[in-house]
Amino acid sequence: MAARILANIIVMGSTILARSFVQAYRQALANASRNGVAQEAVQNMKRASKTMTDVEARQILGVTENASWEEIMQRYDNLFERNAKNGSFYLQSKVHRAKECLEAIHQPKEPEEK
């Protein structure tokens, strides 16, 4: 008998708790919509997903504005291999994106065919 009463109390308590969490979440969403927090979060996500600038790419690779394409590739190879062995995938991808960004600017000139 006591176990049955205890089980009923637990079930009713968890039901009440779950409903209150759902209601609080709905209220939080409504408040965020009114205050413009949701729009600000979306704008921040858009800002964060923009492509890398050439200044940021040069900082990641550690090269100057006057660096040649060969120097950029040398730094890229060095950093990429270092992070492949004992670094992180995140840093390795940043190095790769930096090279891609600078590649679009420098585009190594191919010898003209005669």
Protein backbone atom coordinates (compact mmCIF):
# COMPACT_ATOMS: atom_id res chain seq x y z
CA MET A 1 0.00 0.00 0.00
CA ALA A 2 2.75 2.47 0.96
CA ALA A 3 4.71 1.63 -2.19
CA ARG A 4 1.65 2.39 -4.30
CA ILE A 5 1.13 5.78 -2.65
CA LEU A 6 4.84 6.60 -3.05
CA ALA A 7 4.72 5.61 -6.75
CA ASN A 8 1.66 7.85 -7.29
CA ILE A 9 3.39 10.77 -5.60
CA ILE A 10 6.50 10.31 -7.77
CA VAL A 11 4.48 10.08 -10.99
CA MET A 12 2.35 13.12 -10.14
CA GLY A 13 5.40 15.11 -9.05
CA SER A 14 7.34 14.35 -12.21
CA THR A 15 4.30 15.21 -14.35
CA ILE A 16 3.91 18.56 -12.61
CA LEU A 17 7.63 19.23 -12.94
CA ALA A 18 7.66 18.37 -16.67
CA ARG A 19 4.68 20.64 -17.35
CA SER A 20 6.32 23.50 -15.50
CA PHE A 21 9.52 23.09 -17.53
CA VAL A 22 7.56 23.15 -20.79
CA GLN A 23 5.64 26.24 -19.68
CA ALA A 24 8.86 28.00 -18.61
CA TYR A 25 10.48 27.18 -21.96
CA ARG A 26 7.50 28.58 -23.88
CA GLN A 27 7.61 31.73 -21.78
CA ALA A 28 11.36 32.10 -22.39
CA LEU A 29 10.79 31.82 -26.15
CA ALA A 30 8.04 34.42 -26.02
CA ASN A 31 10.27 36.79 -24.01
CA ALA A 32 13.16 36.28 -26.42
CA SER A 33 10.90 37.10 -29.38
CA ARG A 34 9.67 40.28 -27.73
CA ASN A 35 13.12 41.47 -26.74
CA GLY A 36 14.80 40.78 -30.08
CA VAL A 37 17.22 38.28 -28.58
CA ALA A 38 16.33 35.68 -31.19
CA GLN A 39 17.08 38.07 -34.06
CA GLU A 40 20.37 39.04 -32.46
CA ALA A 41 21.35 35.39 -32.11
CA VAL A 42 20.58 34.75 -35.79
CA GLN A 43 22.65 37.78 -36.81
CA ASN A 44 25.56 36.58 -34.68
CA MET A 45 25.38 33.18 -36.34
CA LYS A 46 25.43 34.81 -39.78
CA ARG A 47 28.40 36.97 -38.77
CA ALA A 48 30.29 33.96 -37.47
CA SER A 49 29.80 31.96 -40.66
CA LYS A 50 31.36 34.57 -42.93
CA THR A 51 34.45 33.58 -44.84
CA MET A 52 37.89 34.29 -43.52
CA THR A 53 39.52 37.61 -44.39
CA ASP A 54 42.98 37.73 -45.91
CA VAL A 55 44.31 39.54 -42.83
CA GLU A 56 43.07 36.72 -40.58
CA ALA A 57 44.49 34.12 -42.98
CA ARG A 58 47.91 35.80 -42.89
CA GLN A 59 47.81 35.86 -39.08
CA ILE A 60 46.97 32.16 -38.92
CA LEU A 61 49.79 31.22 -41.27
CA GLY A 62 52.18 33.77 -39.80
CA VAL A 63 53.11 35.46 -43.07
CA THR A 64 53.34 39.12 -44.04
CA GLU A 65 51.49 40.94 -46.78
CA ASN A 66 54.55 40.78 -49.01
CA ALA A 67 55.02 37.02 -48.63
CA SER A 68 55.45 35.03 -51.82
CA TRP A 69 53.21 32.11 -52.70
CA GLU A 70 56.11 29.71 -52.08
CA GLU A 71 56.56 31.09 -48.55
CA ILE A 72 52.82 30.77 -47.89
CA MET A 73 52.85 27.15 -49.10
CA GLN A 74 55.92 26.37 -47.00
CA ARG A 75 54.23 27.73 -43.84
CA TYR A 76 51.01 25.92 -44.76
CA ASP A 77 52.77 22.57 -45.22
CA ASN A 78 54.68 23.00 -41.97
CA LEU A 79 51.60 23.94 -39.88
CA PHE A 80 49.34 21.38 -41.54
CA GLU A 81 51.76 18.52 -40.92
CA ARG A 82 52.45 19.63 -37.36
CA ASN A 83 48.72 19.61 -36.55
CA ALA A 84 48.17 16.33 -38.39
CA LYS A 85 50.67 14.54 -36.14
CA ASN A 86 49.96 15.92 -32.67
CA GLY A 87 47.63 18.87 -33.02
CA SER A 88 43.92 19.30 -33.34
CA PHE A 89 41.61 18.86 -36.30
CA TYR A 90 40.17 22.32 -35.63
CA LEU A 91 43.56 24.02 -35.98
CA GLN A 92 44.34 21.95 -39.02
CA SER A 93 41.11 23.05 -40.69
CA LYS A 94 41.82 26.71 -39.82
CA VAL A 95 45.24 26.39 -41.48
CA HIS A 96 43.62 24.83 -44.54
CA ARG A 97 40.95 27.56 -44.77
CA ALA A 98 43.68 30.21 -44.45
CA LYS A 99 45.54 28.66 -47.38
CA GLU A 100 42.35 28.55 -49.45
CA CYS A 101 41.67 32.21 -48.70
CA LEU A 102 45.16 33.30 -49.73
CA GLU A 103 45.09 30.99 -52.72
CA ALA A 104 42.13 32.91 -54.10
CA ILE A 105 44.16 36.11 -53.83
CA HIS A 106 47.54 34.87 -55.06
CA GLN A 107 46.50 32.19 -57.57
CA PRO A 108 49.91 30.81 -58.49
CA LYS A 109 50.54 31.79 -62.05
CA GLU A 110 50.82 28.82 -64.35
CA PRO A 111 53.38 28.98 -67.16
CA GLU A 112 51.85 29.94 -70.44
CA GLU A 113 51.75 27.21 -73.07
CA LYS A 114 53.30 28.06 -76.41
